[in-house]
Amino acid sequence: TQERIKPIRDKWKGKLVLKGVANERDAEGAISLGLDGL
């Protein structure tokens, strides 16, 4: 979930990519969390 991604984004200082995205809503969520790629 987004709640589980947030602490990973805070900890990981490199590039963070979300794999398995299959719709626009999840893509928007990844962008809001500050991820670097899909």
Full PDB file with SEQRES, HELIX, SHEET, SSBOND, CRYST1, ORIGX, SCALE, CONECT and MASTER records, all heavy atoms in Angstrom:
SEQRES   1 A   38  THR GLN GLU ARG ILE LYS PRO ILE ARG ASP LYS TRP LYS          
SEQRES   2 A   38  GLY LYS LEU VAL LEU LYS GLY VAL ALA ASN GLU ARG ASP          
SEQRES   3 A   38  ALA GLU GLY ALA ILE SER LEU GLY LEU ASP GLY LEU              
HELIX    1 AA1 GLN A    2  LYS A   11  1                                  10    
HELIX    2 AA2 GLU A   24  SER A   32  1                                   9    
CRYST1    1.000    1.000    1.000  90.00  90.00  90.00 P 1           1          
ORIGX1      1.000000  0.000000  0.000000        0.00000                         
ORIGX2      0.000000  1.000000  0.000000        0.00000                         
ORIGX3      0.000000  0.000000  1.000000        0.00000                         
SCALE1      1.000000  0.000000  0.000000        0.00000                         
SCALE2      0.000000  1.000000  0.000000        0.00000                         
SCALE3      0.000000  0.000000  1.000000        0.00000                         
ATOM      1  N   THR A   1       0.831  -1.198   0.000  1.00  0.00           N  
ATOM      2  CA  THR A   1       0.000   0.000   0.000  1.00  0.00           C  
ATOM      3  C   THR A   1       0.871   1.256   0.000  1.00  0.00           C  
ATOM      4  O   THR A   1       2.089   1.200   0.231  1.00  0.00           O  
ATOM      5  CB  THR A   1      -0.891   0.021   1.250  1.00  0.00           C  
ATOM      6  OG1 THR A   1      -0.040   0.040   2.415  1.00  0.00           O  
ATOM      7  CG2 THR A   1      -1.785  -1.205   1.300  1.00  0.00           C  
ATOM      8  N   GLN A   2       0.225   2.406  -0.226  1.00  0.00           N  
ATOM      9  CA  GLN A   2       0.958   3.674  -0.165  1.00  0.00           C  
ATOM     10  C   GLN A   2       1.572   3.876   1.210  1.00  0.00           C  
ATOM     11  O   GLN A   2       2.686   4.409   1.319  1.00  0.00           O  
ATOM     12  CB  GLN A   2       0.026   4.831  -0.509  1.00  0.00           C  
ATOM     13  CG  GLN A   2      -0.425   4.833  -1.967  1.00  0.00           C  
ATOM     14  CD  GLN A   2      -1.012   6.158  -2.402  1.00  0.00           C  
ATOM     15  OE1 GLN A   2      -0.564   7.216  -1.973  1.00  0.00           O  
ATOM     16  NE2 GLN A   2      -2.014   6.112  -3.278  1.00  0.00           N  
ATOM     17  N   GLU A   3       0.898   3.459   2.254  1.00  0.00           N  
ATOM     18  CA  GLU A   3       1.425   3.608   3.612  1.00  0.00           C  
ATOM     19  C   GLU A   3       2.695   2.783   3.798  1.00  0.00           C  
ATOM     20  O   GLU A   3       3.587   3.175   4.559  1.00  0.00           O  
ATOM     21  CB  GLU A   3       0.371   3.188   4.639  1.00  0.00           C  
ATOM     22  CG  GLU A   3      -0.797   4.155   4.789  1.00  0.00           C  
ATOM     23  CD  GLU A   3      -1.693   4.215   3.549  1.00  0.00           C  
ATOM     24  OE1 GLU A   3      -1.806   3.177   2.825  1.00  0.00           O  
ATOM     25  OE2 GLU A   3      -2.278   5.282   3.288  1.00  0.00           O  
ATOM     26  N   ARG A   4       2.791   1.654   3.112  1.00  0.00           N  
ATOM     27  CA  ARG A   4       3.990   0.826   3.223  1.00  0.00           C  
ATOM     28  C   ARG A   4       5.124   1.364   2.349  1.00  0.00           C  
ATOM     29  O   ARG A   4       6.293   1.099   2.632  1.00  0.00           O  
ATOM     30  CB  ARG A   4       3.667  -0.619   2.829  1.00  0.00           C  
ATOM     31  CG  ARG A   4       2.815  -1.338   3.876  1.00  0.00           C  
ATOM     32  CD  ARG A   4       2.485  -2.761   3.467  1.00  0.00           C  
ATOM     33  NE  ARG A   4       1.973  -3.530   4.600  1.00  0.00           N  
ATOM     34  CZ  ARG A   4       1.657  -4.819   4.547  1.00  0.00           C  
ATOM     35  NH1 ARG A   4       1.789  -5.492   3.413  1.00  0.00           N  
ATOM     36  NH2 ARG A   4       1.206  -5.433   5.621  1.00  0.00           N  
ATOM     37  N   ILE A   5       4.778   2.079   1.296  1.00  0.00           N  
ATOM     38  CA  ILE A   5       5.817   2.640   0.428  1.00  0.00           C  
ATOM     39  C   ILE A   5       6.478   3.853   1.063  1.00  0.00           C  
ATOM     40  O   ILE A   5       7.694   4.075   0.900  1.00  0.00           O  
ATOM     41  CB  ILE A   5       5.213   3.014  -0.944  1.00  0.00           C  
ATOM     42  CG1 ILE A   5       4.757   1.763  -1.690  1.00  0.00           C  
ATOM     43  CG2 ILE A   5       6.226   3.782  -1.795  1.00  0.00           C  
ATOM     44  CD1 ILE A   5       4.025   2.036  -2.987  1.00  0.00           C  
ATOM     45  N   LYS A   6       5.736   4.651   1.801  1.00  0.00           N  
ATOM     46  CA  LYS A   6       6.262   5.911   2.349  1.00  0.00           C  
ATOM     47  C   LYS A   6       7.561   5.729   3.131  1.00  0.00           C  
ATOM     48  O   LYS A   6       8.549   6.442   2.876  1.00  0.00           O  
ATOM     49  CB  LYS A   6       5.201   6.593   3.213  1.00  0.00           C  
ATOM     50  CG  LYS A   6       4.050   7.195   2.416  1.00  0.00           C  
ATOM     51  CD  LYS A   6       2.978   7.761   3.339  1.00  0.00           C  
ATOM     52  CE  LYS A   6       1.781   8.286   2.548  1.00  0.00           C  
ATOM     53  NZ  LYS A   6       0.687   8.757   3.436  1.00  0.00           N  
ATOM     54  N   PRO A   7       7.647   4.790   4.093  1.00  0.00           N  
ATOM     55  CA  PRO A   7       8.913   4.652   4.825  1.00  0.00           C  
ATOM     56  C   PRO A   7      10.068   4.151   3.961  1.00  0.00           C  
ATOM     57  O   PRO A   7      11.230   4.458   4.243  1.00  0.00           O  
ATOM     58  CB  PRO A   7       8.577   3.651   5.941  1.00  0.00           C  
ATOM     59  CG  PRO A   7       7.323   2.976   5.518  1.00  0.00           C  
ATOM     60  CD  PRO A   7       6.580   3.949   4.679  1.00  0.00           C  
ATOM     61  N   ILE A   8       9.750   3.391   2.900  1.00  0.00           N  
ATOM     62  CA  ILE A   8      10.806   2.956   1.981  1.00  0.00           C  
ATOM     63  C   ILE A   8      11.341   4.159   1.222  1.00  0.00           C  
ATOM     64  O   ILE A   8      12.560   4.326   1.065  1.00  0.00           O  
ATOM     65  CB  ILE A   8      10.275   1.883   1.011  1.00  0.00           C  
ATOM     66  CG1 ILE A   8       9.829   0.635   1.776  1.00  0.00           C  
ATOM     67  CG2 ILE A   8      11.344   1.519  -0.018  1.00  0.00           C  
ATOM     68  CD1 ILE A   8       9.206  -0.432   0.897  1.00  0.00           C  
ATOM     69  N   ARG A   9      10.436   5.039   0.776  1.00  0.00           N  
ATOM     70  CA  ARG A   9      10.871   6.248   0.078  1.00  0.00           C  
ATOM     71  C   ARG A   9      11.721   7.115   1.001  1.00  0.00           C  
ATOM     72  O   ARG A   9      12.733   7.687   0.577  1.00  0.00           O  
ATOM     73  CB  ARG A   9       9.640   7.022  -0.408  1.00  0.00           C  
ATOM     74  CG  ARG A   9       9.926   8.402  -1.018  1.00  0.00           C  
ATOM     75  CD  ARG A   9      10.627   8.362  -2.368  1.00  0.00           C  
ATOM     76  NE  ARG A   9      12.053   8.029  -2.321  1.00  0.00           N  
ATOM     77  CZ  ARG A   9      12.828   7.969  -3.382  1.00  0.00           C  
ATOM     78  NH1 ARG A   9      12.340   8.219  -4.579  1.00  0.00           N  
ATOM     79  NH2 ARG A   9      14.097   7.650  -3.257  1.00  0.00           N  
ATOM     80  N   ASP A  10      11.346   7.207   2.275  1.00  0.00           N  
ATOM     81  CA  ASP A  10      12.112   8.016   3.223  1.00  0.00           C  
ATOM     82  C   ASP A  10      13.500   7.439   3.457  1.00  0.00           C  
ATOM     83  O   ASP A  10      14.473   8.190   3.602  1.00  0.00           O  
ATOM     84  CB  ASP A  10      11.357   8.102   4.560  1.00  0.00           C  
ATOM     85  CG  ASP A  10      10.081   8.917   4.464  1.00  0.00           C  
ATOM     86  OD1 ASP A  10       9.945   9.709   3.507  1.00  0.00           O  
ATOM     87  OD2 ASP A  10       9.216   8.758   5.343  1.00  0.00           O  
ATOM     88  N   LYS A  11      13.604   6.120   3.472  1.00  0.00           N  
ATOM     89  CA  LYS A  11      14.886   5.482   3.778  1.00  0.00           C  
ATOM     90  C   LYS A  11      15.807   5.403   2.568  1.00  0.00           C  
ATOM     91  O   LYS A  11      17.002   5.651   2.685  1.00  0.00           O  
ATOM     92  CB  LYS A  11      14.651   4.070   4.324  1.00  0.00           C  
ATOM     93  CG  LYS A  11      15.944   3.298   4.628  1.00  0.00           C  
ATOM     94  CD  LYS A  11      15.655   1.930   5.218  1.00  0.00           C  
ATOM     95  CE  LYS A  11      16.936   1.138   5.417  1.00  0.00           C  
ATOM     96  NZ  LYS A  11      17.901   1.814   6.329  1.00  0.00           N  
ATOM     97  N   TRP A  12      15.243   5.054   1.400  1.00  0.00           N  
ATOM     98  CA  TRP A  12      16.073   4.782   0.224  1.00  0.00           C  
ATOM     99  C   TRP A  12      16.505   6.087  -0.427  1.00  0.00           C  
ATOM    100  O   TRP A  12      15.700   6.873  -0.888  1.00  0.00           O  
ATOM    101  CB  TRP A  12      15.308   3.923  -0.781  1.00  0.00           C  
ATOM    102  CG  TRP A  12      16.173   3.461  -1.913  1.00  0.00           C  
ATOM    103  CD1 TRP A  12      16.220   3.951  -3.181  1.00  0.00           C  
ATOM    104  CD2 TRP A  12      17.142   2.403  -1.865  1.00  0.00           C  
ATOM    105  NE1 TRP A  12      17.133   3.274  -3.927  1.00  0.00           N  
ATOM    106  CE2 TRP A  12      17.733   2.321  -3.157  1.00  0.00           C  
ATOM    107  CE3 TRP A  12      17.571   1.524  -0.860  1.00  0.00           C  
ATOM    108  CZ2 TRP A  12      18.716   1.378  -3.455  1.00  0.00           C  
ATOM    109  CZ3 TRP A  12      18.559   0.592  -1.169  1.00  0.00           C  
ATOM    110  CH2 TRP A  12      19.124   0.522  -2.441  1.00  0.00           C  
ATOM    111  N   LYS A  13      17.801   6.304  -0.496  1.00  0.00           N  
ATOM    112  CA  LYS A  13      18.339   7.565  -1.017  1.00  0.00           C  
ATOM    113  C   LYS A  13      18.643   7.517  -2.509  1.00  0.00           C  
ATOM    114  O   LYS A  13      19.011   8.541  -3.099  1.00  0.00           O  
ATOM    115  CB  LYS A  13      19.623   7.930  -0.250  1.00  0.00           C  
ATOM    116  CG  LYS A  13      19.412   8.046   1.263  1.00  0.00           C  
ATOM    117  CD  LYS A  13      18.250   8.968   1.613  1.00  0.00           C  
ATOM    118  CE  LYS A  13      18.024   9.034   3.119  1.00  0.00           C  
ATOM    119  NZ  LYS A  13      16.801   9.805   3.469  1.00  0.00           N  
ATOM    120  N   GLY A  14      18.481   6.353  -3.101  1.00  0.00           N  
ATOM    121  CA  GLY A  14      18.689   6.246  -4.541  1.00  0.00           C  
ATOM    122  C   GLY A  14      17.388   6.404  -5.296  1.00  0.00           C  
ATOM    123  O   GLY A  14      16.405   6.963  -4.788  1.00  0.00           O  
ATOM    124  N   LYS A  15      17.370   5.913  -6.516  1.00  0.00           N  
ATOM    125  CA  LYS A  15      16.164   5.969  -7.337  1.00  0.00           C  
ATOM    126  C   LYS A  15      15.206   4.859  -6.903  1.00  0.00           C  
ATOM    127  O   LYS A  15      15.625   3.729  -6.637  1.00  0.00           O  
ATOM    128  CB  LYS A  15      16.503   5.816  -8.816  1.00  0.00           C  
ATOM    129  CG  LYS A  15      17.446   6.890  -9.344  1.00  0.00           C  
ATOM    130  CD  LYS A  15      16.824   8.281  -9.239  1.00  0.00           C  
ATOM    131  CE  LYS A  15      17.740   9.344  -9.836  1.00  0.00           C  
ATOM    132  NZ  LYS A  15      17.172  10.712  -9.728  1.00  0.00           N  
ATOM    133  N   LEU A  16      13.920   5.197  -6.861  1.00  0.00           N  
ATOM    134  CA  LEU A  16      12.907   4.246  -6.412  1.00  0.00           C  
ATOM    135  C   LEU A  16      11.872   4.063  -7.525  1.00  0.00           C  
ATOM    136  O   LEU A  16      11.293   5.036  -8.016  1.00  0.00           O  
ATOM    137  CB  LEU A  16      12.228   4.739  -5.135  1.00  0.00           C  
ATOM    138  CG  LEU A  16      11.258   3.780  -4.454  1.00  0.00           C  
ATOM    139  CD1 LEU A  16      11.959   2.478  -4.062  1.00  0.00           C  
ATOM    140  CD2 LEU A  16      10.646   4.436  -3.211  1.00  0.00           C  
ATOM    141  N   VAL A  17      11.657   2.803  -7.912  1.00  0.00           N  
ATOM    142  CA  VAL A  17      10.794   2.449  -9.036  1.00  0.00           C  
ATOM    143  C   VAL A  17       9.701   1.506  -8.542  1.00  0.00           C  
ATOM    144  O   VAL A  17       9.972   0.581  -7.762  1.00  0.00           O  
ATOM    145  CB  VAL A  17      11.612   1.760 -10.156  1.00  0.00           C  
ATOM    146  CG1 VAL A  17      10.703   1.254 -11.271  1.00  0.00           C  
ATOM    147  CG2 VAL A  17      12.668   2.709 -10.706  1.00  0.00           C  
ATOM    148  N   LEU A  18       8.481   1.712  -8.999  1.00  0.00           N  
ATOM    149  CA  LEU A  18       7.369   0.830  -8.670  1.00  0.00           C  
ATOM    150  C   LEU A  18       7.087  -0.065  -9.868  1.00  0.00           C  
ATOM    151  O   LEU A  18       6.824   0.414 -10.970  1.00  0.00           O  
ATOM    152  CB  LEU A  18       6.123   1.646  -8.326  1.00  0.00           C  
ATOM    153  CG  LEU A  18       4.889   0.857  -7.878  1.00  0.00           C  
ATOM    154  CD1 LEU A  18       5.163   0.129  -6.557  1.00  0.00           C  
ATOM    155  CD2 LEU A  18       3.684   1.788  -7.720  1.00  0.00           C  
ATOM    156  N   LYS A  19       7.133  -1.374  -9.656  1.00  0.00           N  
ATOM    157  CA  LYS A  19       6.912  -2.348 -10.732  1.00  0.00           C  
ATOM    158  C   LYS A  19       5.587  -3.074 -10.503  1.00  0.00           C  
ATOM    159  O   LYS A  19       5.273  -3.455  -9.383  1.00  0.00           O  
ATOM    160  CB  LYS A  19       8.047  -3.364 -10.790  1.00  0.00           C  
ATOM    161  CG  LYS A  19       7.905  -4.388 -11.912  1.00  0.00           C  
ATOM    162  CD  LYS A  19       9.130  -5.295 -11.967  1.00  0.00           C  
ATOM    163  CE  LYS A  19       9.015  -6.291 -13.112  1.00  0.00           C  
ATOM    164  NZ  LYS A  19       8.002  -7.321 -12.853  1.00  0.00           N  
ATOM    165  N   GLY A  20       4.861  -3.277 -11.592  1.00  0.00           N  
ATOM    166  CA  GLY A  20       3.581  -3.948 -11.510  1.00  0.00           C  
ATOM    167  C   GLY A  20       2.409  -3.004 -11.673  1.00  0.00           C  
ATOM    168  O   GLY A  20       1.259  -3.397 -11.507  1.00  0.00           O  
ATOM    169  N   VAL A  21       2.693  -1.772 -12.015  1.00  0.00           N  
ATOM    170  CA  VAL A  21       1.634  -0.777 -12.215  1.00  0.00           C  
ATOM    171  C   VAL A  21       0.814  -1.172 -13.440  1.00  0.00           C  
ATOM    172  O   VAL A  21       1.359  -1.512 -14.491  1.00  0.00           O  
ATOM    173  CB  VAL A  21       2.234   0.629 -12.400  1.00  0.00           C  
ATOM    174  CG1 VAL A  21       1.150   1.650 -12.685  1.00  0.00           C  
ATOM    175  CG2 VAL A  21       3.037   1.017 -11.167  1.00  0.00           C  
ATOM    176  N   ALA A  22      -0.519  -1.124 -13.292  1.00  0.00           N  
ATOM    177  CA  ALA A  22      -1.382  -1.549 -14.390  1.00  0.00           C  
ATOM    178  C   ALA A  22      -2.540  -0.595 -14.630  1.00  0.00           C  
ATOM    179  O   ALA A  22      -3.451  -0.915 -15.392  1.00  0.00           O  
ATOM    180  CB  ALA A  22      -1.923  -2.954 -14.106  1.00  0.00           C  
ATOM    181  N   ASN A  23      -2.512   0.595 -14.013  1.00  0.00           N  
ATOM    182  CA  ASN A  23      -3.593   1.564 -14.223  1.00  0.00           C  
ATOM    183  C   ASN A  23      -3.127   2.957 -13.838  1.00  0.00           C  
ATOM    184  O   ASN A  23      -2.115   3.129 -13.134  1.00  0.00           O  
ATOM    185  CB  ASN A  23      -4.848   1.170 -13.434  1.00  0.00           C  
ATOM    186  CG  ASN A  23      -4.588   1.148 -11.940  1.00  0.00           C  
ATOM    187  OD1 ASN A  23      -4.466   2.193 -11.312  1.00  0.00           O  
ATOM    188  ND2 ASN A  23      -4.498  -0.035 -11.349  1.00  0.00           N  
ATOM    189  N   GLU A  24      -3.874   3.938 -14.268  1.00  0.00           N  
ATOM    190  CA  GLU A  24      -3.501   5.335 -14.050  1.00  0.00           C  
ATOM    191  C   GLU A  24      -3.563   5.730 -12.576  1.00  0.00           C  
ATOM    192  O   GLU A  24      -2.777   6.559 -12.120  1.00  0.00           O  
ATOM    193  CB  GLU A  24      -4.413   6.254 -14.860  1.00  0.00           C  
ATOM    194  CG  GLU A  24      -4.308   6.075 -16.368  1.00  0.00           C  
ATOM    195  CD  GLU A  24      -5.273   5.060 -16.938  1.00  0.00           C  
ATOM    196  OE1 GLU A  24      -5.497   4.004 -16.283  1.00  0.00           O  
ATOM    197  OE2 GLU A  24      -5.796   5.309 -18.034  1.00  0.00           O  
ATOM    198  N   ARG A  25      -4.494   5.168 -11.838  1.00  0.00           N  
ATOM    199  CA  ARG A  25      -4.636   5.544 -10.432  1.00  0.00           C  
ATOM    200  C   ARG A  25      -3.390   5.172  -9.629  1.00  0.00           C  
ATOM    201  O   ARG A  25      -2.915   5.971  -8.815  1.00  0.00           O  
ATOM    202  CB  ARG A  25      -5.866   4.859  -9.829  1.00  0.00           C  
ATOM    203  CG  ARG A  25      -6.129   5.254  -8.378  1.00  0.00           C  
ATOM    204  CD  ARG A  25      -7.403   4.624  -7.856  1.00  0.00           C  
ATOM    205  NE  ARG A  25      -7.640   4.972  -6.473  1.00  0.00           N  
ATOM    206  CZ  ARG A  25      -8.651   4.513  -5.754  1.00  0.00           C  
ATOM    207  NH1 ARG A  25      -9.532   3.683  -6.306  1.00  0.00           N  
ATOM    208  NH2 ARG A  25      -8.801   4.870  -4.494  1.00  0.00           N  
ATOM    209  N   ASP A  26      -2.866   3.976  -9.849  1.00  0.00           N  
ATOM    210  CA  ASP A  26      -1.646   3.581  -9.158  1.00  0.00           C  
ATOM    211  C   ASP A  26      -0.456   4.429  -9.616  1.00  0.00           C  
ATOM    212  O   ASP A  26       0.440   4.739  -8.819  1.00  0.00           O  
ATOM    213  CB  ASP A  26      -1.358   2.101  -9.392  1.00  0.00           C  
ATOM    214  CG  ASP A  26      -2.302   1.196  -8.600  1.00  0.00           C  
ATOM    215  OD1 ASP A  26      -2.929   1.692  -7.642  1.00  0.00           O  
ATOM    216  OD2 ASP A  26      -2.413   0.007  -8.946  1.00  0.00           O  
ATOM    217  N   ALA A  27      -0.428   4.789 -10.887  1.00  0.00           N  
ATOM    218  CA  ALA A  27       0.635   5.666 -11.376  1.00  0.00           C  
ATOM    219  C   ALA A  27       0.583   7.017 -10.668  1.00  0.00           C  
ATOM    220  O   ALA A  27       1.611   7.561 -10.250  1.00  0.00           O  
ATOM    221  CB  ALA A  27       0.505   5.855 -12.884  1.00  0.00           C  
ATOM    222  N   GLU A  28      -0.605   7.556 -10.523  1.00  0.00           N  
ATOM    223  CA  GLU A  28      -0.761   8.835  -9.827  1.00  0.00           C  
ATOM    224  C   GLU A  28      -0.316   8.713  -8.375  1.00  0.00           C  
ATOM    225  O   GLU A  28       0.337   9.612  -7.831  1.00  0.00           O  
ATOM    226  CB  GLU A  28      -2.218   9.281  -9.893  1.00  0.00           C  
ATOM    227  CG  GLU A  28      -2.467  10.653  -9.276  1.00  0.00           C  
ATOM    228  CD  GLU A  28      -3.909  11.104  -9.419  1.00  0.00           C  
ATOM    229  OE1 GLU A  28      -4.729  10.329  -9.945  1.00  0.00           O  
ATOM    230  OE2 GLU A  28      -4.210  12.237  -9.001  1.00  0.00           O  
ATOM    231  N   GLY A  29      -0.636   7.592  -7.735  1.00  0.00           N  
ATOM    232  CA  GLY A  29      -0.197   7.383  -6.360  1.00  0.00           C  
ATOM    233  C   GLY A  29       1.309   7.334  -6.236  1.00  0.00           C  
ATOM    234  O   GLY A  29       1.887   7.886  -5.293  1.00  0.00           O  
ATOM    235  N   ALA A  30       1.965   6.681  -7.185  1.00  0.00           N  
ATOM    236  CA  ALA A  30       3.428   6.609  -7.163  1.00  0.00           C  
ATOM    237  C   ALA A  30       4.049   7.988  -7.308  1.00  0.00           C  
ATOM    238  O   ALA A  30       5.038   8.323  -6.635  1.00  0.00           O  
ATOM    239  CB  ALA A  30       3.912   5.693  -8.280  1.00  0.00           C  
ATOM    240  N   ILE A  31       3.475   8.812  -8.168  1.00  0.00           N  
ATOM    241  CA  ILE A  31       3.981  10.170  -8.354  1.00  0.00           C  
ATOM    242  C   ILE A  31       3.812  10.986  -7.077  1.00  0.00           C  
ATOM    243  O   ILE A  31       4.721  11.718  -6.660  1.00  0.00           O  
ATOM    244  CB  ILE A  31       3.266  10.839  -9.545  1.00  0.00           C  
ATOM    245  CG1 ILE A  31       3.659  10.142 -10.850  1.00  0.00           C  
ATOM    246  CG2 ILE A  31       3.592  12.332  -9.615  1.00  0.00           C  
ATOM    247  CD1 ILE A  31       2.812  10.532 -12.039  1.00  0.00           C  
ATOM    248  N   SER A  32       2.682  10.840  -6.428  1.00  0.00           N  
ATOM    249  CA  SER A  32       2.428  11.601  -5.199  1.00  0.00           C  
ATOM    250  C   SER A  32       3.382  11.216  -4.080  1.00  0.00           C  
ATOM    251  O   SER A  32       3.657  12.018  -3.180  1.00  0.00           O  
ATOM    252  CB  SER A  32       0.977  11.387  -4.739  1.00  0.00           C  
ATOM    253  OG  SER A  32       0.779  10.070  -4.249  1.00  0.00           O  
ATOM    254  N   LEU A  33       3.915   9.990  -4.134  1.00  0.00           N  
ATOM    255  CA  LEU A  33       4.859   9.522  -3.111  1.00  0.00           C  
ATOM    256  C   LEU A  33       6.301   9.894  -3.440  1.00  0.00           C  
ATOM    257  O   LEU A  33       7.213   9.591  -2.678  1.00  0.00           O  
ATOM    258  CB  LEU A  33       4.747   8.007  -2.962  1.00  0.00           C  
ATOM    259  CG  LEU A  33       3.442   7.493  -2.339  1.00  0.00           C  
ATOM    260  CD1 LEU A  33       3.315   5.993  -2.542  1.00  0.00           C  
ATOM    261  CD2 LEU A  33       3.378   7.849  -0.860  1.00  0.00           C  
ATOM    262  N   GLY A  34       6.524  10.523  -4.576  1.00  0.00           N  
ATOM    263  CA  GLY A  34       7.868  10.952  -4.944  1.00  0.00           C  
ATOM    264  C   GLY A  34       8.728   9.877  -5.556  1.00  0.00           C  
ATOM    265  O   GLY A  34       9.966   9.963  -5.513  1.00  0.00           O  
ATOM    266  N   LEU A  35       8.102   8.857  -6.167  1.00  0.00           N  
ATOM    267  CA  LEU A  35       8.886   7.827  -6.816  1.00  0.00           C  
ATOM    268  C   LEU A  35       9.474   8.356  -8.126  1.00  0.00           C  
ATOM    269  O   LEU A  35       8.997   9.327  -8.691  1.00  0.00           O  
ATOM    270  CB  LEU A  35       8.027   6.586  -7.071  1.00  0.00           C  
ATOM    271  CG  LEU A  35       7.986   5.585  -5.914  1.00  0.00           C  
ATOM    272  CD1 LEU A  35       7.347   6.163  -4.666  1.00  0.00           C  
ATOM    273  CD2 LEU A  35       7.265   4.297  -6.317  1.00  0.00           C  
ATOM    274  N   ASP A  36      10.535   7.683  -8.573  1.00  0.00           N  
ATOM    275  CA  ASP A  36      11.277   8.157  -9.740  1.00  0.00           C  
ATOM    276  C   ASP A  36      10.873   7.471 -11.037  1.00  0.00           C  
ATOM    277  O   ASP A  36      11.125   7.996 -12.122  1.00  0.00           O  
ATOM    278  CB  ASP A  36      12.773   7.932  -9.513  1.00  0.00           C  
ATOM    279  CG  ASP A  36      13.271   8.631  -8.259  1.00  0.00           C  
ATOM    280  OD1 ASP A  36      13.379   9.869  -8.286  1.00  0.00           O  
ATOM    281  OD2 ASP A  36      13.532   7.936  -7.255  1.00  0.00           O  
ATOM    282  N   GLY A  37      10.279   6.288 -10.953  1.00  0.00           N  
ATOM    283  CA  GLY A  37       9.940   5.563 -12.163  1.00  0.00           C  
ATOM    284  C   GLY A  37       8.864   4.521 -11.938  1.00  0.00           C  
ATOM    285  O   GLY A  37       8.589   4.120 -10.797  1.00  0.00           O  
ATOM    286  N   LEU A  38       8.266   4.092 -13.030  1.00  0.00           N  
ATOM    287  CA  LEU A  38       7.273   3.024 -13.040  1.00  0.00           C  
ATOM    288  C   LEU A  38       7.702   1.979 -14.057  1.00  0.00           C  
ATOM    289  O   LEU A  38       8.202   2.319 -15.126  1.00  0.00           O  
ATOM    290  CB  LEU A  38       5.900   3.547 -13.460  1.00  0.00           C  
ATOM    291  CG  LEU A  38       5.274   4.723 -12.720  1.00  0.00           C  
ATOM    292  CD1 LEU A  38       4.024   5.176 -13.470  1.00  0.00           C  
ATOM    293  CD2 LEU A  38       4.931   4.318 -11.298  1.00  0.00           C  
TER     294      LEU A  38                                                      
MASTER        0    0    0    2    0    0    0    6  293    1    0    3          
END                                                                             
